[in-house]
Amino acid sequence: MKTKMPGPQQLLEKEAYDAWFKAQVQAPLDDSRPSIPDEEARRIFAIKREKLRQGKKL
């Protein structure tokens, strides 16, 4: 099966998507805020889930 060469527009779209994707990955890596331990994050989200189940606003 042969594939067609991508046209100029497709190349621009791919380059734009690649740049966007790399920026999305890099942003959290560059974030200087301290990390939250897994157990703390689980506790916070468990509280949020329970509030939502009870119909309360977050």
C-alpha atoms as a PDB file:
ATOM      1  CA  MET A   1       0.000   0.000   0.000  1.00  0.00           C
ATOM      2  CA  LYS A   2       1.431   3.337  -1.033  1.00  0.00           C
ATOM      3  CA  THR A   3       0.843   6.468   0.964  1.00  0.00           C
ATOM      4  CA  LYS A   4       0.590   9.908  -0.579  1.00  0.00           C
ATOM      5  CA  MET A   5       3.096  12.593   0.262  1.00  0.00           C
ATOM      6  CA  PRO A   6       1.526  15.099   2.608  1.00  0.00           C
ATOM      7  CA  GLY A   7       0.699  18.448   1.066  1.00  0.00           C
ATOM      8  CA  PRO A   8       1.966  21.795   2.384  1.00  0.00           C
ATOM      9  CA  GLN A   9      -1.198  22.384   4.448  1.00  0.00           C
ATOM     10  CA  GLN A  10      -0.917  18.972   6.086  1.00  0.00           C
ATOM     11  CA  LEU A  11       2.718  19.631   6.931  1.00  0.00           C
ATOM     12  CA  LEU A  12       1.824  22.979   8.499  1.00  0.00           C
ATOM     13  CA  GLU A  13      -0.966  21.344  10.510  1.00  0.00           C
ATOM     14  CA  LYS A  14       1.377  18.579  11.679  1.00  0.00           C
ATOM     15  CA  GLU A  15       4.063  21.080  12.674  1.00  0.00           C
ATOM     16  CA  ALA A  16       1.511  23.207  14.524  1.00  0.00           C
ATOM     17  CA  TYR A  17       0.130  20.163  16.322  1.00  0.00           C
ATOM     18  CA  ASP A  18       3.630  18.941  17.241  1.00  0.00           C
ATOM     19  CA  ALA A  19       4.524  22.370  18.648  1.00  0.00           C
ATOM     20  CA  TRP A  20       1.253  22.516  20.621  1.00  0.00           C
ATOM     21  CA  PHE A  21       1.731  18.985  21.961  1.00  0.00           C
ATOM     22  CA  LYS A  22       5.319  19.626  23.032  1.00  0.00           C
ATOM     23  CA  ALA A  23       4.216  22.809  24.822  1.00  0.00           C
ATOM     24  CA  GLN A  24       1.470  20.876  26.638  1.00  0.00           C
ATOM     25  CA  VAL A  25       4.002  18.291  27.835  1.00  0.00           C
ATOM     26  CA  GLN A  26       6.655  20.854  28.764  1.00  0.00           C
ATOM     27  CA  ALA A  27       4.362  23.148  30.796  1.00  0.00           C
ATOM     28  CA  PRO A  28       3.940  20.796  33.792  1.00  0.00           C
ATOM     29  CA  LEU A  29       7.626  19.877  33.668  1.00  0.00           C
ATOM     30  CA  ASP A  30       8.520  23.565  33.999  1.00  0.00           C
ATOM     31  CA  ASP A  31       5.989  24.183  36.801  1.00  0.00           C
ATOM     32  CA  SER A  32       7.905  25.286  39.888  1.00  0.00           C
ATOM     33  CA  ARG A  33       5.099  24.548  42.346  1.00  0.00           C
ATOM     34  CA  PRO A  34       5.801  21.620  44.686  1.00  0.00           C
ATOM     35  CA  SER A  35       4.340  18.256  43.778  1.00  0.00           C
ATOM     36  CA  ILE A  36       1.464  16.819  45.766  1.00  0.00           C
ATOM     37  CA  PRO A  37       2.034  13.306  47.110  1.00  0.00           C
ATOM     38  CA  ASP A  38      -0.270  10.672  45.599  1.00  0.00           C
ATOM     39  CA  GLU A  39      -2.065   9.961  48.881  1.00  0.00           C
ATOM     40  CA  GLU A  40      -2.815  13.655  49.402  1.00  0.00           C
ATOM     41  CA  ALA A  41      -4.188  14.007  45.857  1.00  0.00           C
ATOM     42  CA  ARG A  42      -6.376  10.924  46.362  1.00  0.00           C
ATOM     43  CA  ARG A  43      -7.691  12.338  49.636  1.00  0.00           C
ATOM     44  CA  ILE A  44      -8.514  15.704  48.055  1.00  0.00           C
ATOM     45  CA  PHE A  45     -10.348  14.135  45.124  1.00  0.00           C
ATOM     46  CA  ALA A  46     -12.232  11.728  47.383  1.00  0.00           C
ATOM     47  CA  ILE A  47     -13.563  14.743  49.287  1.00  0.00           C
ATOM     48  CA  LYS A  48     -14.519  16.456  46.006  1.00  0.00           C
ATOM     49  CA  ARG A  49     -16.280  13.314  44.721  1.00  0.00           C
ATOM     50  CA  GLU A  50     -18.246  12.995  47.949  1.00  0.00           C
ATOM     51  CA  LYS A  51     -19.361  16.630  47.791  1.00  0.00           C
ATOM     52  CA  LEU A  52     -20.521  16.131  44.205  1.00  0.00           C
ATOM     53  CA  ARG A  53     -22.446  12.990  45.188  1.00  0.00           C
ATOM     54  CA  GLN A  54     -24.196  14.987  47.894  1.00  0.00           C
ATOM     55  CA  GLY A  55     -25.073  17.711  45.387  1.00  0.00           C
ATOM     56  CA  LYS A  56     -22.870  20.320  47.059  1.00  0.00           C
ATOM     57  CA  LYS A  57     -20.821  22.870  45.157  1.00  0.00           C
ATOM     58  CA  LEU A  58     -17.078  22.512  45.206  1.00  0.00           C
END
